Amino acid sequence: MNLDAQFQEALFGEDELGAVVRAQIHIEARVNQLLEVLSPFPEKLPHLRFDQMLKLACALGLKEDSIVAFKELGNIRNRFGHQLNTRLTAGMIEKILNGLSLDDRGVLLRGYEMTSEQIPLSPFESLTPGDKFIILCVGLDKLLLQAITEVKFNARKP
């Protein structure tokens, strides 16, 4: 099973705890992929904590304007990992959403809106925090995939 299929299974096949922990693990794996394509010697990369990985990715060229959203995902994962009975809240979701750049937030919300024109979906604002979390995590994953694709494309340019 490829990483995208595993990611979807983790988001949709788990309770909130499982979805949060597994989503963060998959996002972390995607950040690792980005670091590998950004680094001329990826085999020399040390094992880093998630926040350190994000800082290194920025130092190597990742746009910083949406990093707060990734940090908030890590904060939510830590809450779930260390506090019993933690639940996703509207406030947690707002922190992720507000941690995105205005452009990235707009792309994500327009993408959801365009999808809802094709298939019947509830308006984003009326979704549960769990459903919003899934959409935001998919969006974060796609932001990282876009960055990976751009790095690979630019590496091929003469």
C-alpha atoms as a PDB file:
ATOM      1  CA  MET A   1       0.000   0.000   0.000  1.00  0.00           C
ATOM      2  CA  ASN A   2       1.468   3.369  -0.982  1.00  0.00           C
ATOM      3  CA  LEU A   3       1.858   6.310   1.360  1.00  0.00           C
ATOM      4  CA  ASP A   4      -1.234   8.127   0.044  1.00  0.00           C
ATOM      5  CA  ALA A   5      -3.458   5.072   0.550  1.00  0.00           C
ATOM      6  CA  GLN A   6      -2.046   4.544   4.050  1.00  0.00           C
ATOM      7  CA  PHE A   7      -2.686   8.206   4.839  1.00  0.00           C
ATOM      8  CA  GLN A   8      -6.316   8.007   3.705  1.00  0.00           C
ATOM      9  CA  GLU A   9      -6.851   4.789   5.654  1.00  0.00           C
ATOM     10  CA  ALA A  10      -5.386   6.403   8.762  1.00  0.00           C
ATOM     11  CA  LEU A  11      -7.618   9.460   8.489  1.00  0.00           C
ATOM     12  CA  PHE A  12     -10.872   7.668   7.768  1.00  0.00           C
ATOM     13  CA  GLY A  13     -10.428   4.375   9.584  1.00  0.00           C
ATOM     14  CA  GLU A  14      -9.645   5.571  13.077  1.00  0.00           C
ATOM     15  CA  ASP A  15     -11.174   7.321  16.044  1.00  0.00           C
ATOM     16  CA  GLU A  16      -9.916  10.864  16.722  1.00  0.00           C
ATOM     17  CA  LEU A  17      -6.871   9.690  18.665  1.00  0.00           C
ATOM     18  CA  GLY A  18      -5.824   7.307  15.925  1.00  0.00           C
ATOM     19  CA  ALA A  19      -6.532   9.823  13.167  1.00  0.00           C
ATOM     20  CA  VAL A  20      -4.527  12.579  14.880  1.00  0.00           C
ATOM     21  CA  VAL A  21      -1.532  10.408  15.720  1.00  0.00           C
ATOM     22  CA  ARG A  22      -1.435   8.657  12.356  1.00  0.00           C
ATOM     23  CA  ALA A  23      -2.013  11.868  10.397  1.00  0.00           C
ATOM     24  CA  GLN A  24       0.914  13.507  12.162  1.00  0.00           C
ATOM     25  CA  ILE A  25       3.097  10.445  11.477  1.00  0.00           C
ATOM     26  CA  HIS A  26       2.242  10.618   7.773  1.00  0.00           C
ATOM     27  CA  ILE A  27       2.848  14.362   7.615  1.00  0.00           C
ATOM     28  CA  GLU A  28       6.179  13.824   9.348  1.00  0.00           C
ATOM     29  CA  ALA A  29       7.083  11.172   6.757  1.00  0.00           C
ATOM     30  CA  ARG A  30       6.214  13.684   4.015  1.00  0.00           C
ATOM     31  CA  VAL A  31       8.431  16.322   5.673  1.00  0.00           C
ATOM     32  CA  ASN A  32      11.206  13.702   5.678  1.00  0.00           C
ATOM     33  CA  GLN A  33      10.675  13.201   1.941  1.00  0.00           C
ATOM     34  CA  LEU A  34      10.964  16.941   1.436  1.00  0.00           C
ATOM     35  CA  LEU A  35      14.174  17.107   3.474  1.00  0.00           C
ATOM     36  CA  GLU A  36      15.623  14.283   1.400  1.00  0.00           C
ATOM     37  CA  VAL A  37      14.991  16.099  -1.888  1.00  0.00           C
ATOM     38  CA  LEU A  38      16.209  19.433  -0.473  1.00  0.00           C
ATOM     39  CA  SER A  39      19.439  17.955   0.891  1.00  0.00           C
ATOM     40  CA  PRO A  40      22.377  17.168  -1.387  1.00  0.00           C
ATOM     41  CA  PHE A  41      23.377  14.364   1.006  1.00  0.00           C
ATOM     42  CA  PRO A  42      20.140  13.027   2.530  1.00  0.00           C
ATOM     43  CA  GLU A  43      21.904  10.034   4.057  1.00  0.00           C
ATOM     44  CA  LYS A  44      23.714  12.489   6.354  1.00  0.00           C
ATOM     45  CA  LEU A  45      20.498  13.913   7.818  1.00  0.00           C
ATOM     46  CA  PRO A  46      20.294  13.312  11.573  1.00  0.00           C
ATOM     47  CA  HIS A  47      17.179  12.058  13.336  1.00  0.00           C
ATOM     48  CA  LEU A  48      15.276  15.190  14.318  1.00  0.00           C
ATOM     49  CA  ARG A  49      12.151  16.061  16.267  1.00  0.00           C
ATOM     50  CA  PHE A  50       9.229  17.286  14.165  1.00  0.00           C
ATOM     51  CA  ASP A  51       9.751  20.961  15.048  1.00  0.00           C
ATOM     52  CA  GLN A  52      13.446  20.662  14.176  1.00  0.00           C
ATOM     53  CA  MET A  53      12.541  19.056  10.849  1.00  0.00           C
ATOM     54  CA  LEU A  54      10.275  21.993  10.048  1.00  0.00           C
ATOM     55  CA  LYS A  55      12.993  24.509  10.915  1.00  0.00           C
ATOM     56  CA  LEU A  56      15.521  22.648   8.765  1.00  0.00           C
ATOM     57  CA  ALA A  57      13.057  22.470   5.866  1.00  0.00           C
ATOM     58  CA  CYS A  58      12.637  26.267   6.101  1.00  0.00           C
ATOM     59  CA  ALA A  59      16.404  26.752   6.269  1.00  0.00           C
ATOM     60  CA  LEU A  60      16.681  24.700   3.078  1.00  0.00           C
ATOM     61  CA  GLY A  61      14.017  26.684   1.255  1.00  0.00           C
ATOM     62  CA  LEU A  62      10.497  25.660   2.315  1.00  0.00           C
ATOM     63  CA  LYS A  63       8.170  28.654   2.439  1.00  0.00           C
ATOM     64  CA  GLU A  64       7.725  29.692   6.056  1.00  0.00           C
ATOM     65  CA  ASP A  65       4.290  31.238   5.676  1.00  0.00           C
ATOM     66  CA  SER A  66       2.366  28.030   6.450  1.00  0.00           C
ATOM     67  CA  ILE A  67       4.755  26.419   8.927  1.00  0.00           C
ATOM     68  CA  VAL A  68       2.550  27.445  11.861  1.00  0.00           C
ATOM     69  CA  ALA A  69      -0.152  25.059  10.604  1.00  0.00           C
ATOM     70  CA  PHE A  70       2.300  22.146  10.700  1.00  0.00           C
ATOM     71  CA  LYS A  71       3.441  23.148  14.197  1.00  0.00           C
ATOM     72  CA  GLU A  72      -0.189  23.241  15.347  1.00  0.00           C
ATOM     73  CA  LEU A  73      -0.671  19.719  14.004  1.00  0.00           C
ATOM     74  CA  GLY A  74       2.309  18.663  16.128  1.00  0.00           C
ATOM     75  CA  ASN A  75       0.837  20.448  19.160  1.00  0.00           C
ATOM     76  CA  ILE A  76      -2.494  18.674  18.706  1.00  0.00           C
ATOM     77  CA  ARG A  77      -0.727  15.325  18.380  1.00  0.00           C
ATOM     78  CA  ASN A  78       1.167  16.028  21.595  1.00  0.00           C
ATOM     79  CA  ARG A  79      -2.062  16.872  23.416  1.00  0.00           C
ATOM     80  CA  PHE A  80      -3.617  13.621  22.267  1.00  0.00           C
ATOM     81  CA  GLY A  81      -0.459  11.731  23.179  1.00  0.00           C
ATOM     82  CA  HIS A  82      -0.171  13.141  26.688  1.00  0.00           C
ATOM     83  CA  GLN A  83      -3.663  13.999  27.916  1.00  0.00           C
ATOM     84  CA  LEU A  84      -6.438  11.494  28.417  1.00  0.00           C
ATOM     85  CA  ASN A  85      -9.838  12.223  26.897  1.00  0.00           C
ATOM     86  CA  THR A  86      -8.543  14.874  24.498  1.00  0.00           C
ATOM     87  CA  ARG A  87     -10.995  15.682  21.700  1.00  0.00           C
ATOM     88  CA  LEU A  88     -10.612  17.750  18.571  1.00  0.00           C
ATOM     89  CA  THR A  89     -12.124  21.167  19.122  1.00  0.00           C
ATOM     90  CA  ALA A  90     -13.112  24.052  16.901  1.00  0.00           C
ATOM     91  CA  GLY A  91     -10.279  26.044  18.497  1.00  0.00           C
ATOM     92  CA  MET A  92      -7.676  23.453  17.486  1.00  0.00           C
ATOM     93  CA  ILE A  93      -8.975  23.460  13.930  1.00  0.00           C
ATOM     94  CA  GLU A  94      -8.932  27.266  13.799  1.00  0.00           C
ATOM     95  CA  LYS A  95      -5.293  27.288  14.891  1.00  0.00           C
ATOM     96  CA  ILE A  96      -4.342  24.985  12.012  1.00  0.00           C
ATOM     97  CA  LEU A  97      -6.442  26.949   9.530  1.00  0.00           C
ATOM     98  CA  ASN A  98      -5.093  30.293  10.741  1.00  0.00           C
ATOM     99  CA  GLY A  99      -1.566  28.872  10.632  1.00  0.00           C
ATOM    100  CA  LEU A 100      -1.806  28.578   6.856  1.00  0.00           C
ATOM    101  CA  SER A 101      -0.776  31.461   4.641  1.00  0.00           C
ATOM    102  CA  LEU A 102      -3.691  33.408   3.200  1.00  0.00           C
ATOM    103  CA  ASP A 103      -2.928  31.918  -0.219  1.00  0.00           C
ATOM    104  CA  ASP A 104      -2.735  28.324   1.028  1.00  0.00           C
ATOM    105  CA  ARG A 105      -5.878  28.747   3.128  1.00  0.00           C
ATOM    106  CA  GLY A 106      -7.693  30.156   0.117  1.00  0.00           C
ATOM    107  CA  VAL A 107      -6.559  27.298  -2.132  1.00  0.00           C
ATOM    108  CA  LEU A 108      -7.660  24.719   0.413  1.00  0.00           C
ATOM    109  CA  LEU A 109     -11.082  26.248   0.990  1.00  0.00           C
ATOM    110  CA  ARG A 110     -11.669  26.891  -2.725  1.00  0.00           C
ATOM    111  CA  GLY A 111     -10.687  23.295  -3.449  1.00  0.00           C
ATOM    112  CA  TYR A 112     -13.234  22.044  -0.937  1.00  0.00           C
ATOM    113  CA  GLU A 113     -15.861  24.366  -2.385  1.00  0.00           C
ATOM    114  CA  MET A 114     -15.141  23.182  -5.941  1.00  0.00           C
ATOM    115  CA  THR A 115     -15.355  19.567  -4.821  1.00  0.00           C
ATOM    116  CA  SER A 116     -18.698  20.243  -3.158  1.00  0.00           C
ATOM    117  CA  GLU A 117     -19.990  21.544  -6.495  1.00  0.00           C
ATOM    118  CA  GLN A 118     -19.226  18.136  -8.007  1.00  0.00           C
ATOM    119  CA  ILE A 119     -20.438  15.929  -5.174  1.00  0.00           C
ATOM    120  CA  PRO A 120     -22.824  16.853  -2.371  1.00  0.00           C
ATOM    121  CA  LEU A 121     -20.826  17.994   0.637  1.00  0.00           C
ATOM    122  CA  SER A 122     -21.797  20.079   3.622  1.00  0.00           C
ATOM    123  CA  PRO A 123     -20.378  23.603   3.744  1.00  0.00           C
ATOM    124  CA  PHE A 124     -16.928  23.610   5.356  1.00  0.00           C
ATOM    125  CA  GLU A 125     -18.146  25.837   8.196  1.00  0.00           C
ATOM    126  CA  SER A 126     -20.788  23.287   9.233  1.00  0.00           C
ATOM    127  CA  LEU A 127     -18.432  20.288   9.394  1.00  0.00           C
ATOM    128  CA  THR A 128     -17.441  18.669  12.671  1.00  0.00           C
ATOM    129  CA  PRO A 129     -13.940  19.388  13.998  1.00  0.00           C
ATOM    130  CA  GLY A 130     -13.010  15.799  13.072  1.00  0.00           C
ATOM    131  CA  ASP A 131     -14.085  16.227   9.458  1.00  0.00           C
ATOM    132  CA  LYS A 132     -12.355  19.602   9.219  1.00  0.00           C
ATOM    133  CA  PHE A 133      -9.222  18.006  10.667  1.00  0.00           C
ATOM    134  CA  ILE A 134      -9.226  15.380   7.910  1.00  0.00           C
ATOM    135  CA  ILE A 135      -9.606  18.004   5.194  1.00  0.00           C
ATOM    136  CA  LEU A 136      -6.860  20.160   6.690  1.00  0.00           C
ATOM    137  CA  CYS A 137      -4.475  17.214   6.992  1.00  0.00           C
ATOM    138  CA  VAL A 138      -5.066  16.253   3.373  1.00  0.00           C
ATOM    139  CA  GLY A 139      -4.369  19.886   2.477  1.00  0.00           C
ATOM    140  CA  LEU A 140      -1.147  19.949   4.508  1.00  0.00           C
ATOM    141  CA  ASP A 141      -0.027  16.738   2.843  1.00  0.00           C
ATOM    142  CA  LYS A 142      -0.704  18.217  -0.603  1.00  0.00           C
ATOM    143  CA  LEU A 143       1.238  21.380   0.286  1.00  0.00           C
ATOM    144  CA  LEU A 144       4.237  19.200   1.084  1.00  0.00           C
ATOM    145  CA  LEU A 145       3.771  17.153  -2.091  1.00  0.00           C
ATOM    146  CA  GLN A 146       3.680  20.384  -4.087  1.00  0.00           C
ATOM    147  CA  ALA A 147       6.916  21.539  -2.445  1.00  0.00           C
ATOM    148  CA  ILE A 148       8.569  18.174  -3.196  1.00  0.00           C
ATOM    149  CA  THR A 149       7.436  18.350  -6.821  1.00  0.00           C
ATOM    150  CA  GLU A 150       8.735  21.913  -7.186  1.00  0.00           C
ATOM    151  CA  VAL A 151      12.142  20.984  -5.744  1.00  0.00           C
ATOM    152  CA  LYS A 152      12.441  17.999  -8.087  1.00  0.00           C
ATOM    153  CA  PHE A 153      11.333  20.088 -11.083  1.00  0.00           C
ATOM    154  CA  ASN A 154      13.789  22.886 -10.288  1.00  0.00           C
ATOM    155  CA  ALA A 155      16.604  20.368  -9.830  1.00  0.00           C
ATOM    156  CA  ARG A 156      16.089  19.223 -13.451  1.00  0.00           C
ATOM    157  CA  LYS A 157      16.360  22.745 -14.876  1.00  0.00           C
ATOM    158  CA  PRO A 158      19.713  23.557 -16.475  1.00  0.00           C
END
